[in-house]
C-alpha atoms as a PDB file:
ATOM      1  CA  UNK A   1      24.979 -28.986  54.504  1.00  0.00           C
ATOM      2  CA  UNK A   2      24.447 -25.221  54.392  1.00  0.00           C
ATOM      3  CA  UNK A   3      21.265 -23.605  55.045  1.00  0.00           C
ATOM      4  CA  UNK A   4      19.673 -21.842  52.200  1.00  0.00           C
ATOM      5  CA  UNK A   5      18.466 -18.476  52.534  1.00  0.00           C
ATOM      6  CA  UNK A   6      15.238 -18.303  50.415  1.00  0.00           C
ATOM      7  CA  UNK A   7      14.364 -15.254  48.221  1.00  0.00           C
ATOM      8  CA  UNK A   8      11.175 -13.546  48.539  1.00  0.00           C
ATOM      9  CA  UNK A   9      10.030 -11.547  45.671  1.00  0.00           C
ATOM     10  CA  UNK A  10       8.195  -9.197  47.030  1.00  0.00           C
ATOM     11  CA  UNK A  11       4.312  -8.275  45.274  1.00  0.00           C
ATOM     12  CA  UNK A  12       4.739  -4.651  44.856  1.00  0.00           C
ATOM     13  CA  UNK A  13       8.052  -5.351  42.562  1.00  0.00           C
ATOM     14  CA  UNK A  14       6.023  -8.429  40.415  1.00  0.00           C
ATOM     15  CA  UNK A  15       3.479  -5.562  39.913  1.00  0.00           C
ATOM     16  CA  UNK A  16       5.623  -2.721  38.809  1.00  0.00           C
ATOM     17  CA  UNK A  17       7.497  -5.098  36.488  1.00  0.00           C
ATOM     18  CA  UNK A  18       4.052  -6.012  35.003  1.00  0.00           C
ATOM     19  CA  UNK A  19       3.027  -2.744  34.511  1.00  0.00           C
ATOM     20  CA  UNK A  20       6.101  -1.739  32.824  1.00  0.00           C
ATOM     21  CA  UNK A  21       6.039  -4.083  30.277  1.00  0.00           C
ATOM     22  CA  UNK A  22       2.263  -3.782  29.444  1.00  0.00           C
ATOM     23  CA  UNK A  23       3.639  -0.113  29.095  1.00  0.00           C
ATOM     24  CA  UNK A  24       6.064  -0.720  26.553  1.00  0.00           C
ATOM     25  CA  UNK A  25       3.558  -2.877  25.044  1.00  0.00           C
ATOM     26  CA  UNK A  26       1.169  -0.096  24.191  1.00  0.00           C
ATOM     27  CA  UNK A  27       3.790   1.842  23.065  1.00  0.00           C
ATOM     28  CA  UNK A  28       5.053  -0.995  20.700  1.00  0.00           C
ATOM     29  CA  UNK A  29       1.309  -1.678  19.805  1.00  0.00           C
ATOM     30  CA  UNK A  30       0.639   2.158  18.894  1.00  0.00           C
ATOM     31  CA  UNK A  31       4.178   3.534  17.210  1.00  0.00           C
ATOM     32  CA  UNK A  32       3.552  -0.124  14.958  1.00  0.00           C
ATOM     33  CA  UNK A  33      -0.373   1.150  14.111  1.00  0.00           C
ATOM     34  CA  UNK A  34      -0.984   4.798  14.370  1.00  0.00           C
ATOM     35  CA  UNK A  35      -0.094   6.640  11.308  1.00  0.00           C
ATOM     36  CA  UNK A  36      -0.617  10.233  10.014  1.00  0.00           C
ATOM     37  CA  UNK A  37      -3.388   9.283   7.558  1.00  0.00           C
ATOM     38  CA  UNK A  38      -2.587  11.909   4.968  1.00  0.00           C
ATOM     39  CA  UNK A  39      -5.298  13.385   3.159  1.00  0.00           C
ATOM     40  CA  UNK A  40      -4.972  12.457  -0.871  1.00  0.00           C
ATOM     41  CA  UNK A  41      -8.222  13.602  -1.971  1.00  0.00           C
ATOM     42  CA  UNK A  42      -6.610  17.342  -3.962  1.00  0.00           C
ATOM     43  CA  UNK A  43      -3.315  15.040  -5.117  1.00  0.00           C
ATOM     44  CA  UNK A  44      -2.946  16.507  -8.516  1.00  0.00           C
ATOM     45  CA  UNK A  45      -3.082  13.552 -11.089  1.00  0.00           C
ATOM     46  CA  UNK A  46      -0.336  13.357 -14.033  1.00  0.00           C
ATOM     47  CA  UNK A  47      -2.348  11.509 -16.152  1.00  0.00           C
ATOM     48  CA  UNK A  48      -4.794  14.588 -16.623  1.00  0.00           C
ATOM     49  CA  UNK A  49      -5.088  15.758 -19.883  1.00  0.00           C
ATOM     50  CA  UNK A  50      -3.038  13.375 -21.749  1.00  0.00           C
ATOM     51  CA  UNK A  51      -4.267  10.319 -23.938  1.00  0.00           C
ATOM     52  CA  UNK A  52      -5.164   7.193 -21.466  1.00  0.00           C
ATOM     53  CA  UNK A  53      -4.496   4.994 -24.459  1.00  0.00           C
ATOM     54  CA  UNK A  54      -1.129   6.219 -25.757  1.00  0.00           C
ATOM     55  CA  UNK A  55       0.450   6.915 -22.338  1.00  0.00           C
ATOM     56  CA  UNK A  56       3.642   5.662 -21.193  1.00  0.00           C
ATOM     57  CA  UNK A  57       3.874   4.942 -17.670  1.00  0.00           C
ATOM     58  CA  UNK A  58       7.163   7.351 -16.002  1.00  0.00           C
ATOM     59  CA  UNK A  59       7.888   8.715 -12.757  1.00  0.00           C
ATOM     60  CA  UNK A  60       5.234  10.710 -11.578  1.00  0.00           C
ATOM     61  CA  UNK A  61       2.648   8.127 -12.422  1.00  0.00           C
ATOM     62  CA  UNK A  62       4.176   6.143 -10.059  1.00  0.00           C
ATOM     63  CA  UNK A  63       4.863   8.446  -7.420  1.00  0.00           C
ATOM     64  CA  UNK A  64       0.724   9.235  -7.981  1.00  0.00           C
ATOM     65  CA  UNK A  65      -0.549   5.787  -8.401  1.00  0.00           C
ATOM     66  CA  UNK A  66       1.641   4.832  -4.427  1.00  0.00           C
ATOM     67  CA  UNK A  67      -0.074   8.160  -3.026  1.00  0.00           C
ATOM     68  CA  UNK A  68      -3.387   6.996  -3.867  1.00  0.00           C
ATOM     69  CA  UNK A  69      -2.794   3.887  -2.444  1.00  0.00           C
ATOM     70  CA  UNK A  70      -1.642   5.374   0.979  1.00  0.00           C
ATOM     71  CA  UNK A  71       2.164   4.902   0.468  1.00  0.00           C
ATOM     72  CA  UNK A  72       2.555   8.317   2.113  1.00  0.00           C
ATOM     73  CA  UNK A  73       1.603   6.552   5.312  1.00  0.00           C
ATOM     74  CA  UNK A  74       4.646   4.753   5.718  1.00  0.00           C
ATOM     75  CA  UNK A  75       7.121   6.178   8.273  1.00  0.00           C
ATOM     76  CA  UNK A  76      10.829   5.005   8.548  1.00  0.00           C
ATOM     77  CA  UNK A  77      12.313   2.126  10.598  1.00  0.00           C
ATOM     78  CA  UNK A  78      15.318   1.624  12.745  1.00  0.00           C
ATOM     79  CA  UNK A  79      17.029   4.708  10.152  1.00  0.00           C
ATOM     80  CA  UNK A  80      15.913   2.874   6.739  1.00  0.00           C
ATOM     81  CA  UNK A  81      12.771   4.751   4.792  1.00  0.00           C
ATOM     82  CA  UNK A  82      10.190   2.437   3.581  1.00  0.00           C
ATOM     83  CA  UNK A  83      11.199   1.473  -0.240  1.00  0.00           C
ATOM     84  CA  UNK A  84       8.692   0.074  -2.871  1.00  0.00           C
ATOM     85  CA  UNK A  85       9.572  -1.302  -6.201  1.00  0.00           C
ATOM     86  CA  UNK A  86       6.737  -1.502  -8.472  1.00  0.00           C
ATOM     87  CA  UNK A  87       7.212  -3.498 -11.489  1.00  0.00           C
ATOM     88  CA  UNK A  88       4.930  -2.345 -14.922  1.00  0.00           C
ATOM     89  CA  UNK A  89       5.156  -4.984 -17.579  1.00  0.00           C
ATOM     90  CA  UNK A  90       8.999  -5.029 -17.471  1.00  0.00           C
ATOM     91  CA  UNK A  91       9.647  -1.405 -16.055  1.00  0.00           C
ATOM     92  CA  UNK A  92      11.351  -1.275 -12.759  1.00  0.00           C
ATOM     93  CA  UNK A  93      10.367   1.730 -10.512  1.00  0.00           C
ATOM     94  CA  UNK A  94      11.798   2.565  -7.250  1.00  0.00           C
ATOM     95  CA  UNK A  95       9.959   4.571  -4.901  1.00  0.00           C
ATOM     96  CA  UNK A  96      10.962   5.815  -1.313  1.00  0.00           C
ATOM     97  CA  UNK A  97       8.885   7.761   1.176  1.00  0.00           C
ATOM     98  CA  UNK A  98      11.254   9.832   2.941  1.00  0.00           C
ATOM     99  CA  UNK A  99       9.705  12.208   5.128  1.00  0.00           C
ATOM    100  CA  UNK A 100       6.390  11.941   4.011  1.00  0.00           C
ATOM    101  CA  UNK A 101       6.949  12.502   0.624  1.00  0.00           C
ATOM    102  CA  UNK A 102       7.380   9.946  -2.360  1.00  0.00           C
ATOM    103  CA  UNK A 103      10.497  10.390  -4.785  1.00  0.00           C
ATOM    104  CA  UNK A 104      10.315   7.783  -7.660  1.00  0.00           C
ATOM    105  CA  UNK A 105      13.275   6.976 -10.258  1.00  0.00           C
ATOM    106  CA  UNK A 106      13.559   4.556 -12.806  1.00  0.00           C
ATOM    107  CA  UNK A 107      14.851   1.334 -12.309  1.00  0.00           C
ATOM    108  CA  UNK A 108      15.014  -1.980  -9.740  1.00  0.00           C
ATOM    109  CA  UNK A 109      15.318  -1.758  -6.307  1.00  0.00           C
ATOM    110  CA  UNK A 110      18.215  -2.784  -4.415  1.00  0.00           C
ATOM    111  CA  UNK A 111      16.527  -3.830  -1.769  1.00  0.00           C
ATOM    112  CA  UNK A 112      12.811  -2.880  -1.361  1.00  0.00           C
ATOM    113  CA  UNK A 113      10.981  -3.636   1.154  1.00  0.00           C
ATOM    114  CA  UNK A 114       7.613  -4.844  -1.127  1.00  0.00           C
ATOM    115  CA  UNK A 115       7.307  -5.230  -4.770  1.00  0.00           C
ATOM    116  CA  UNK A 116       3.847  -4.526  -6.925  1.00  0.00           C
ATOM    117  CA  UNK A 117       3.369  -6.005 -10.077  1.00  0.00           C
ATOM    118  CA  UNK A 118       0.872  -4.932 -12.256  1.00  0.00           C
ATOM    119  CA  UNK A 119       0.561  -4.205 -15.736  1.00  0.00           C
ATOM    120  CA  UNK A 120       0.160  -0.453 -17.594  1.00  0.00           C
ATOM    121  CA  UNK A 121      -3.677  -1.620 -18.564  1.00  0.00           C
ATOM    122  CA  UNK A 122      -4.129  -2.055 -15.170  1.00  0.00           C
ATOM    123  CA  UNK A 123      -3.053   1.392 -14.228  1.00  0.00           C
ATOM    124  CA  UNK A 124      -4.500   2.971 -16.824  1.00  0.00           C
ATOM    125  CA  UNK A 125      -8.215   1.172 -16.127  1.00  0.00           C
ATOM    126  CA  UNK A 126      -7.625   2.129 -12.356  1.00  0.00           C
ATOM    127  CA  UNK A 127      -7.149   5.872 -13.296  1.00  0.00           C
ATOM    128  CA  UNK A 128     -10.192   5.752 -15.263  1.00  0.00           C
ATOM    129  CA  UNK A 129     -12.370   4.122 -12.431  1.00  0.00           C
ATOM    130  CA  UNK A 130     -14.117   6.495 -10.428  1.00  0.00           C
ATOM    131  CA  UNK A 131     -12.477   5.192  -6.797  1.00  0.00           C
ATOM    132  CA  UNK A 132      -8.677   3.838  -7.849  1.00  0.00           C
ATOM    133  CA  UNK A 133      -8.320   2.524  -4.975  1.00  0.00           C
ATOM    134  CA  UNK A 134     -11.073   0.148  -4.463  1.00  0.00           C
ATOM    135  CA  UNK A 135     -10.270  -0.603  -8.436  1.00  0.00           C
ATOM    136  CA  UNK A 136      -6.340  -1.929  -7.245  1.00  0.00           C
ATOM    137  CA  UNK A 137      -8.631  -3.675  -4.112  1.00  0.00           C
ATOM    138  CA  UNK A 138     -10.081  -5.802  -6.677  1.00  0.00           C
ATOM    139  CA  UNK A 139      -6.929  -5.862  -8.757  1.00  0.00           C
ATOM    140  CA  UNK A 140      -4.680  -7.498  -5.879  1.00  0.00           C
ATOM    141  CA  UNK A 141      -7.964  -9.918  -5.208  1.00  0.00           C
ATOM    142  CA  UNK A 142      -8.322 -11.329  -8.575  1.00  0.00           C
ATOM    143  CA  UNK A 143      -4.872 -11.929  -9.044  1.00  0.00           C
ATOM    144  CA  UNK A 144      -4.569  -9.114 -12.003  1.00  0.00           C
ATOM    145  CA  UNK A 145      -1.966  -7.203  -9.499  1.00  0.00           C
ATOM    146  CA  UNK A 146       0.150  -8.685  -6.808  1.00  0.00           C
ATOM    147  CA  UNK A 147       2.238  -7.435  -3.967  1.00  0.00           C
ATOM    148  CA  UNK A 148       5.092  -9.687  -3.029  1.00  0.00           C
ATOM    149  CA  UNK A 149       6.849  -9.486   0.418  1.00  0.00           C
ATOM    150  CA  UNK A 150      10.599  -8.989   0.422  1.00  0.00           C
ATOM    151  CA  UNK A 151      11.866  -7.386   3.689  1.00  0.00           C
ATOM    152  CA  UNK A 152      11.167  -9.442   7.014  1.00  0.00           C
ATOM    153  CA  UNK A 153       7.542  -9.059   8.559  1.00  0.00           C
ATOM    154  CA  UNK A 154       9.185  -7.181  11.411  1.00  0.00           C
ATOM    155  CA  UNK A 155      10.463  -4.763   9.461  1.00  0.00           C
ATOM    156  CA  UNK A 156       6.830  -4.704   7.357  1.00  0.00           C
ATOM    157  CA  UNK A 157       5.318  -3.994  10.853  1.00  0.00           C
ATOM    158  CA  UNK A 158       7.789  -1.676  12.038  1.00  0.00           C
ATOM    159  CA  UNK A 159       7.349   0.580   8.679  1.00  0.00           C
ATOM    160  CA  UNK A 160       3.476   0.391   8.332  1.00  0.00           C
ATOM    161  CA  UNK A 161       3.135  -2.291   5.427  1.00  0.00           C
ATOM    162  CA  UNK A 162       0.989  -3.893   7.289  1.00  0.00           C
ATOM    163  CA  UNK A 163      -1.590  -1.482   7.300  1.00  0.00           C
ATOM    164  CA  UNK A 164      -0.927  -0.461   3.970  1.00  0.00           C
ATOM    165  CA  UNK A 165      -1.509  -4.081   3.191  1.00  0.00           C
ATOM    166  CA  UNK A 166      -4.895  -4.125   4.491  1.00  0.00           C
ATOM    167  CA  UNK A 167      -6.223  -1.323   3.357  1.00  0.00           C
ATOM    168  CA  UNK A 168      -4.776  -2.151  -0.214  1.00  0.00           C
ATOM    169  CA  UNK A 169      -6.301  -5.667  -0.668  1.00  0.00           C
ATOM    170  CA  UNK A 170      -8.714  -6.086   2.087  1.00  0.00           C
ATOM    171  CA  UNK A 171      -6.769  -8.918   3.315  1.00  0.00           C
ATOM    172  CA  UNK A 172      -4.512  -9.761   6.366  1.00  0.00           C
ATOM    173  CA  UNK A 173      -0.789  -9.150   5.963  1.00  0.00           C
ATOM    174  CA  UNK A 174      -0.346 -13.277   5.806  1.00  0.00           C
ATOM    175  CA  UNK A 175      -2.889 -13.564   3.385  1.00  0.00           C
ATOM    176  CA  UNK A 176      -2.426 -15.618   0.219  1.00  0.00           C
ATOM    177  CA  UNK A 177      -1.477 -12.757  -2.132  1.00  0.00           C
ATOM    178  CA  UNK A 178       1.251 -11.903  -0.615  1.00  0.00           C
ATOM    179  CA  UNK A 179       4.072 -14.226  -1.768  1.00  0.00           C
ATOM    180  CA  UNK A 180       7.327 -14.146   0.589  1.00  0.00           C
ATOM    181  CA  UNK A 181      10.456 -13.617  -2.498  1.00  0.00           C
ATOM    182  CA  UNK A 182      14.259 -15.245  -1.153  1.00  0.00           C
END
């Protein structure tokens, strides 16, 4: 039988590979957790100067709600824009975040990342409250409104939904408020 040559892996080679893996890990974590933190405090309200008791929820109201929730901080991933379906009572709205802008239209989303289910009364009560974001955090945690995960966790993670979910609910992304829709 022939002699086998032992291959010796050099220490600098192993250290180089480890440094590359660490660098890739840091870049991945930064990319998936960094968000632009767009200031939405000056966003004009489509609810202003309207009778909140008779208002019919329309596209501008959903865009405003998502803006205040922080959806502008979501980002495209793999060439796909973030898509949120908002269900208000039995009315469906599709919102797509495109380069820092939210485009909303009536109708169900064919392939949303998440669904937000709420009621007209919850939206109106949130608008009447001193802090819309805090109101909806309570609404999600109490079950009056809910978020359903539709896309896979890795897609949601890469688009920034983890930060949005944690900010809106105060819970981790795998908390009991989120329900998998399959």
